[in-house]
Amino acid sequence: MTERIKNEIGNQKNAFWFLVIAIVVFLGLYFYFFGHTIYSVVERQTVERRIIAIESGAEEMEMNYLSEKSKITLDLAKSKGFTKITLTPKYISRTPTGKSLTLNN
């Protein structure tokens, strides 16, 4: 009878320490994942701010481009030395005019 009581007390001690260790491990995992989640949220906010800054820079460059494009006129081009190209278009005729390289000859 005393052996049985000793075994039960030993089993209860083992169960107690198992539960204590399990609780410590789970708390450690909880704090790790909670910290990782907070870090991810902060990092995402930082990335979103950088994306907004880059997009606003792109919008500003686009507006500069459009304003500069509207300043270009035919008179400005002529004053810079550009001239109108007056070349006649050249076409390739569809009728053969001479010998060609083929595998059938």
N, C-alpha and C. Protein backbone atom coordinates (compact mmCIF):
# COMPACT_ATOMS: atom_id res chain seq x y z
N MET A 1 0.82 -1.19 0.00
CA MET A 1 0.00 0.00 0.00
C MET A 1 0.87 1.25 0.00
N THR A 2 1.91 1.22 0.83
CA THR A 2 2.79 2.39 0.87
C THR A 2 3.53 2.55 -0.45
N GLU A 3 3.84 1.44 -1.10
CA GLU A 3 4.51 1.50 -2.41
C GLU A 3 3.58 2.16 -3.43
N ARG A 4 2.34 1.82 -3.36
CA ARG A 4 1.37 2.37 -4.31
C ARG A 4 1.22 3.88 -4.12
N ILE A 5 1.19 4.31 -2.88
CA ILE A 5 1.08 5.74 -2.57
C ILE A 5 2.35 6.46 -3.05
N LYS A 6 3.51 5.86 -2.83
CA LYS A 6 4.77 6.45 -3.29
C LYS A 6 4.79 6.57 -4.82
N ASN A 7 4.29 5.54 -5.51
CA ASN A 7 4.23 5.58 -6.97
C ASN A 7 3.29 6.69 -7.46
N GLU A 8 2.15 6.85 -6.79
CA GLU A 8 1.21 7.90 -7.18
C GLU A 8 1.81 9.27 -6.97
N ILE A 9 2.50 9.45 -5.84
CA ILE A 9 3.15 10.73 -5.57
C ILE A 9 4.24 10.99 -6.61
N GLY A 10 5.01 9.97 -6.95
CA GLY A 10 6.03 10.10 -7.99
C GLY A 10 5.42 10.44 -9.33
N ASN A 11 4.30 9.77 -9.66
CA ASN A 11 3.62 10.07 -10.92
C ASN A 11 3.08 11.50 -10.94
N GLN A 12 2.57 11.95 -9.79
CA GLN A 12 2.04 13.31 -9.72
C GLN A 12 3.18 14.33 -9.87
N LYS A 13 4.33 14.05 -9.30
CA LYS A 13 5.48 14.94 -9.45
C LYS A 13 5.93 14.99 -10.91
N ASN A 14 5.97 13.83 -11.53
CA ASN A 14 6.37 13.79 -12.95
C ASN A 14 5.36 14.56 -13.82
N ALA A 15 4.08 14.37 -13.54
CA ALA A 15 3.05 15.07 -14.31
C ALA A 15 3.15 16.57 -14.06
N PHE A 16 3.41 16.97 -12.83
CA PHE A 16 3.55 18.40 -12.50
C PHE A 16 4.71 19.01 -13.28
N TRP A 17 5.86 18.39 -13.26
CA TRP A 17 7.03 18.94 -13.96
C TRP A 17 6.83 18.91 -15.48
N PHE A 18 6.16 17.89 -15.96
CA PHE A 18 5.85 17.84 -17.39
C PHE A 18 4.96 19.03 -17.77
N LEU A 19 3.93 19.29 -16.96
CA LEU A 19 3.04 20.42 -17.24
C LEU A 19 3.77 21.76 -17.12
N VAL A 20 4.65 21.89 -16.13
CA VAL A 20 5.42 23.14 -15.97
C VAL A 20 6.30 23.36 -17.20
N ILE A 21 7.00 22.33 -17.63
CA ILE A 21 7.88 22.46 -18.80
C ILE A 21 7.06 22.76 -20.06
N ALA A 22 5.92 22.09 -20.21
CA ALA A 22 5.07 22.33 -21.37
C ALA A 22 4.56 23.78 -21.37
N ILE A 23 4.16 24.27 -20.21
CA ILE A 23 3.68 25.66 -20.13
C ILE A 23 4.79 26.63 -20.48
N VAL A 24 6.00 26.39 -19.98
CA VAL A 24 7.13 27.27 -20.29
C VAL A 24 7.43 27.24 -21.79
N VAL A 25 7.42 26.07 -22.38
CA VAL A 25 7.69 25.95 -23.83
C VAL A 25 6.60 26.68 -24.62
N PHE A 26 5.35 26.48 -24.27
CA PHE A 26 4.26 27.14 -24.99
C PHE A 26 4.28 28.65 -24.81
N LEU A 27 4.62 29.11 -23.60
CA LEU A 27 4.74 30.56 -23.39
C LEU A 27 5.89 31.13 -24.23
N GLY A 28 7.00 30.40 -24.29
CA GLY A 28 8.12 30.84 -25.11
C GLY A 28 7.73 30.93 -26.58
N LEU A 29 7.03 29.91 -27.07
CA LEU A 29 6.57 29.94 -28.46
C LEU A 29 5.57 31.07 -28.70
N TYR A 30 4.69 31.29 -27.73
CA TYR A 30 3.71 32.36 -27.85
C TYR A 30 4.41 33.72 -27.98
N PHE A 31 5.36 33.99 -27.08
CA PHE A 31 6.06 35.27 -27.13
C PHE A 31 6.89 35.40 -28.40
N TYR A 32 7.48 34.32 -28.86
CA TYR A 32 8.26 34.36 -30.11
C TYR A 32 7.36 34.73 -31.28
N PHE A 33 6.24 34.03 -31.43
CA PHE A 33 5.36 34.30 -32.56
C PHE A 33 4.68 35.66 -32.44
N PHE A 34 4.35 36.07 -31.22
CA PHE A 34 3.76 37.39 -31.01
C PHE A 34 4.76 38.47 -31.41
N GLY A 35 6.00 38.33 -31.00
CA GLY A 35 7.05 39.29 -31.38
C GLY A 35 7.28 39.30 -32.87
N HIS A 36 7.27 38.14 -33.48
CA HIS A 36 7.47 38.05 -34.93
C HIS A 36 6.31 38.73 -35.67
N THR A 37 5.10 38.58 -35.16
CA THR A 37 3.95 39.23 -35.77
C THR A 37 4.07 40.75 -35.68
N ILE A 38 4.46 41.25 -34.54
CA ILE A 38 4.64 42.69 -34.37
C ILE A 38 5.74 43.19 -35.30
N TYR A 39 6.84 42.47 -35.40
CA TYR A 39 7.92 42.86 -36.29
C TYR A 39 7.44 42.90 -37.74
N SER A 40 6.65 41.92 -38.14
CA SER A 40 6.14 41.88 -39.52
C SER A 40 5.21 43.06 -39.80
N VAL A 41 4.38 43.42 -38.85
CA VAL A 41 3.48 44.55 -39.04
C VAL A 41 4.27 45.85 -39.19
N VAL A 42 5.26 46.04 -38.35
CA VAL A 42 6.09 47.24 -38.42
C VAL A 42 6.86 47.28 -39.74
N GLU A 43 7.39 46.16 -40.15
CA GLU A 43 8.13 46.09 -41.41
C GLU A 43 7.20 46.39 -42.59
N ARG A 44 5.99 45.87 -42.56
CA ARG A 44 5.04 46.14 -43.64
C ARG A 44 4.69 47.61 -43.71
N GLN A 45 4.52 48.27 -42.56
CA GLN A 45 4.24 49.70 -42.55
C GLN A 45 5.42 50.48 -43.15
N THR A 46 6.63 50.06 -42.84
CA THR A 46 7.81 50.72 -43.39
C THR A 46 7.86 50.56 -44.90
N VAL A 47 7.59 49.37 -45.37
CA VAL A 47 7.59 49.11 -46.82
C VAL A 47 6.49 49.91 -47.50
N GLU A 48 5.31 49.99 -46.88
CA GLU A 48 4.22 50.77 -47.46
C GLU A 48 4.60 52.24 -47.58
N ARG A 49 5.28 52.78 -46.56
CA ARG A 49 5.73 54.17 -46.63
C ARG A 49 6.73 54.38 -47.76
N ARG A 50 7.64 53.43 -47.94
CA ARG A 50 8.62 53.54 -49.03
C ARG A 50 7.92 53.44 -50.39
N ILE A 51 6.92 52.57 -50.51
CA ILE A 51 6.18 52.45 -51.77
C ILE A 51 5.46 53.76 -52.08
N ILE A 52 4.86 54.38 -51.08
CA ILE A 52 4.17 55.65 -51.29
C ILE A 52 5.15 56.72 -51.74
N ALA A 53 6.34 56.75 -51.13
CA ALA A 53 7.35 57.74 -51.53
C ALA A 53 7.80 57.51 -52.97
N ILE A 54 8.00 56.28 -53.35
CA ILE A 54 8.44 55.97 -54.72
C ILE A 54 7.34 56.32 -55.72
N GLU A 55 6.10 55.98 -55.39
CA GLU A 55 4.99 56.29 -56.30
C GLU A 55 4.82 57.80 -56.45
N SER A 56 4.97 58.56 -55.38
CA SER A 56 4.83 60.00 -55.50
C SER A 56 5.97 60.58 -56.33
N GLY A 57 7.16 60.00 -56.21
CA GLY A 57 8.27 60.43 -57.05
C GLY A 57 8.01 60.15 -58.52
N ALA A 58 7.41 59.00 -58.80
CA ALA A 58 7.08 58.65 -60.18
C ALA A 58 6.00 59.59 -60.72
N GLU A 59 5.02 59.92 -59.90
CA GLU A 59 3.98 60.85 -60.33
C GLU A 59 4.57 62.23 -60.62
N GLU A 60 5.50 62.65 -59.78
CA GLU A 60 6.15 63.95 -59.99
C GLU A 60 6.94 63.95 -61.29
N MET A 61 7.67 62.87 -61.57
CA MET A 61 8.42 62.79 -62.82
C MET A 61 7.48 62.77 -64.02
N GLU A 62 6.34 62.09 -63.90
CA GLU A 62 5.38 62.06 -64.99
C GLU A 62 4.81 63.45 -65.25
N MET A 63 4.51 64.19 -64.20
CA MET A 63 4.00 65.56 -64.37
C MET A 63 5.07 66.45 -65.01
N ASN A 64 6.33 66.30 -64.61
CA ASN A 64 7.41 67.07 -65.23
C ASN A 64 7.53 66.73 -66.71
N TYR A 65 7.42 65.45 -67.02
CA TYR A 65 7.50 65.02 -68.42
C TYR A 65 6.38 65.64 -69.24
N LEU A 66 5.16 65.59 -68.72
CA LEU A 66 4.03 66.13 -69.46
C LEU A 66 4.15 67.64 -69.64
N SER A 67 4.63 68.34 -68.62
CA SER A 67 4.78 69.79 -68.75
C SER A 67 5.88 70.14 -69.75
N GLU A 68 6.98 69.40 -69.75
CA GLU A 68 8.05 69.64 -70.71
C GLU A 68 7.61 69.26 -72.12
N LYS A 69 6.83 68.21 -72.25
CA LYS A 69 6.36 67.77 -73.56
C LYS A 69 5.45 68.82 -74.18
N SER A 70 4.65 69.47 -73.37
CA SER A 70 3.74 70.48 -73.90
C SER A 70 4.49 71.74 -74.35
N LYS A 71 5.73 71.94 -73.88
CA LYS A 71 6.52 73.10 -74.28
C LYS A 71 7.16 72.93 -75.66
N ILE A 72 7.24 71.71 -76.16
CA ILE A 72 7.89 71.45 -77.44
C ILE A 72 6.93 71.82 -78.56
N THR A 73 7.38 72.72 -79.43
CA THR A 73 6.56 73.16 -80.57
C THR A 73 7.40 73.04 -81.83
N LEU A 74 6.77 73.24 -82.96
CA LEU A 74 7.47 73.20 -84.24
C LEU A 74 8.46 74.35 -84.34
N ASP A 75 8.10 75.53 -83.84
CA ASP A 75 9.01 76.68 -83.86
C ASP A 75 10.26 76.42 -83.02
N LEU A 76 10.09 75.77 -81.84
CA LEU A 76 11.23 75.44 -81.00
C LEU A 76 12.15 74.46 -81.71
N ALA A 77 11.57 73.48 -82.38
CA ALA A 77 12.37 72.50 -83.10
C ALA A 77 13.16 73.16 -84.22
N LYS A 78 12.52 74.07 -84.95
CA LYS A 78 13.23 74.76 -86.03
C LYS A 78 14.34 75.64 -85.48
N SER A 79 14.11 76.28 -84.33
CA SER A 79 15.15 77.13 -83.74
C SER A 79 16.34 76.30 -83.24
N LYS A 80 16.11 75.05 -82.92
CA LYS A 80 17.20 74.18 -82.47
C LYS A 80 17.91 73.51 -83.63
N GLY A 81 17.44 73.74 -84.87
CA GLY A 81 18.13 73.20 -86.03
C GLY A 81 17.50 71.96 -86.64
N PHE A 82 16.36 71.57 -86.17
CA PHE A 82 15.69 70.41 -86.75
C PHE A 82 14.99 70.84 -88.03
N THR A 83 14.99 69.99 -89.01
CA THR A 83 14.29 70.27 -90.26
C THR A 83 13.33 69.14 -90.57
N LYS A 84 12.39 69.44 -91.46
CA LYS A 84 11.42 68.43 -91.83
C LYS A 84 12.06 67.48 -92.83
N ILE A 85 11.87 66.22 -92.65
CA ILE A 85 12.45 65.21 -93.54
C ILE A 85 11.53 65.06 -94.74
N THR A 86 12.10 65.22 -95.94
CA THR A 86 11.30 65.12 -97.16
C THR A 86 11.86 64.02 -98.04
N LEU A 87 11.89 62.84 -97.56
CA LEU A 87 12.35 61.70 -98.34
C LEU A 87 11.16 61.00 -98.97
N THR A 88 11.36 60.52 -100.16
CA THR A 88 10.31 59.72 -100.77
C THR A 88 10.44 58.30 -100.25
N PRO A 89 9.35 57.68 -99.94
CA PRO A 89 9.44 56.31 -99.42
C PRO A 89 9.94 55.35 -100.49
N LYS A 90 10.72 54.40 -100.07
CA LYS A 90 11.25 53.38 -100.98
C LYS A 90 10.58 52.06 -100.64
N TYR A 91 10.14 51.37 -101.71
CA TYR A 91 9.44 50.11 -101.52
C TYR A 91 10.18 48.99 -102.22
N ILE A 92 9.99 47.81 -101.77
CA ILE A 92 10.55 46.64 -102.43
C ILE A 92 9.47 46.11 -103.37
N SER A 93 9.87 45.92 -104.62
CA SER A 93 8.88 45.44 -105.57
C SER A 93 8.60 43.97 -105.34
N ARG A 94 7.41 43.55 -105.74
CA ARG A 94 7.03 42.16 -105.54
C ARG A 94 7.47 41.29 -106.71
N THR A 95 7.76 41.88 -107.82
CA THR A 95 8.21 41.08 -108.97
C THR A 95 9.71 40.90 -108.89
N PRO A 96 10.17 39.69 -109.14
CA PRO A 96 11.61 39.47 -109.06
C PRO A 96 12.33 40.24 -110.18
N THR A 97 13.42 40.89 -109.82
CA THR A 97 14.17 41.68 -110.80
C THR A 97 15.45 40.99 -111.22
N GLY A 98 15.86 39.96 -110.58
CA GLY A 98 17.09 39.27 -110.94
C GLY A 98 17.14 37.91 -110.32
N LYS A 99 18.31 37.35 -110.31
CA LYS A 99 18.49 36.02 -109.74
C LYS A 99 18.46 36.10 -108.21
N SER A 100 18.00 35.06 -107.61
CA SER A 100 18.01 34.97 -106.15
C SER A 100 18.54 33.62 -105.75
N LEU A 101 18.96 33.52 -104.54
CA LEU A 101 19.49 32.27 -104.00
C LEU A 101 18.35 31.42 -103.47
N THR A 102 18.18 30.26 -104.04
CA THR A 102 17.18 29.32 -103.53
C THR A 102 17.77 27.93 -103.56
N LEU A 103 17.17 27.01 -102.91
CA LEU A 103 17.60 25.63 -102.91
C LEU A 103 17.07 24.88 -104.13
N ASN A 104 16.12 25.47 -104.84
CA ASN A 104 15.50 24.80 -105.98
C ASN A 104 16.29 24.98 -107.27
N ASN A 105 17.20 25.92 -107.37
CA ASN A 105 17.96 26.17 -108.60
C ASN A 105 19.06 25.18 -108.79
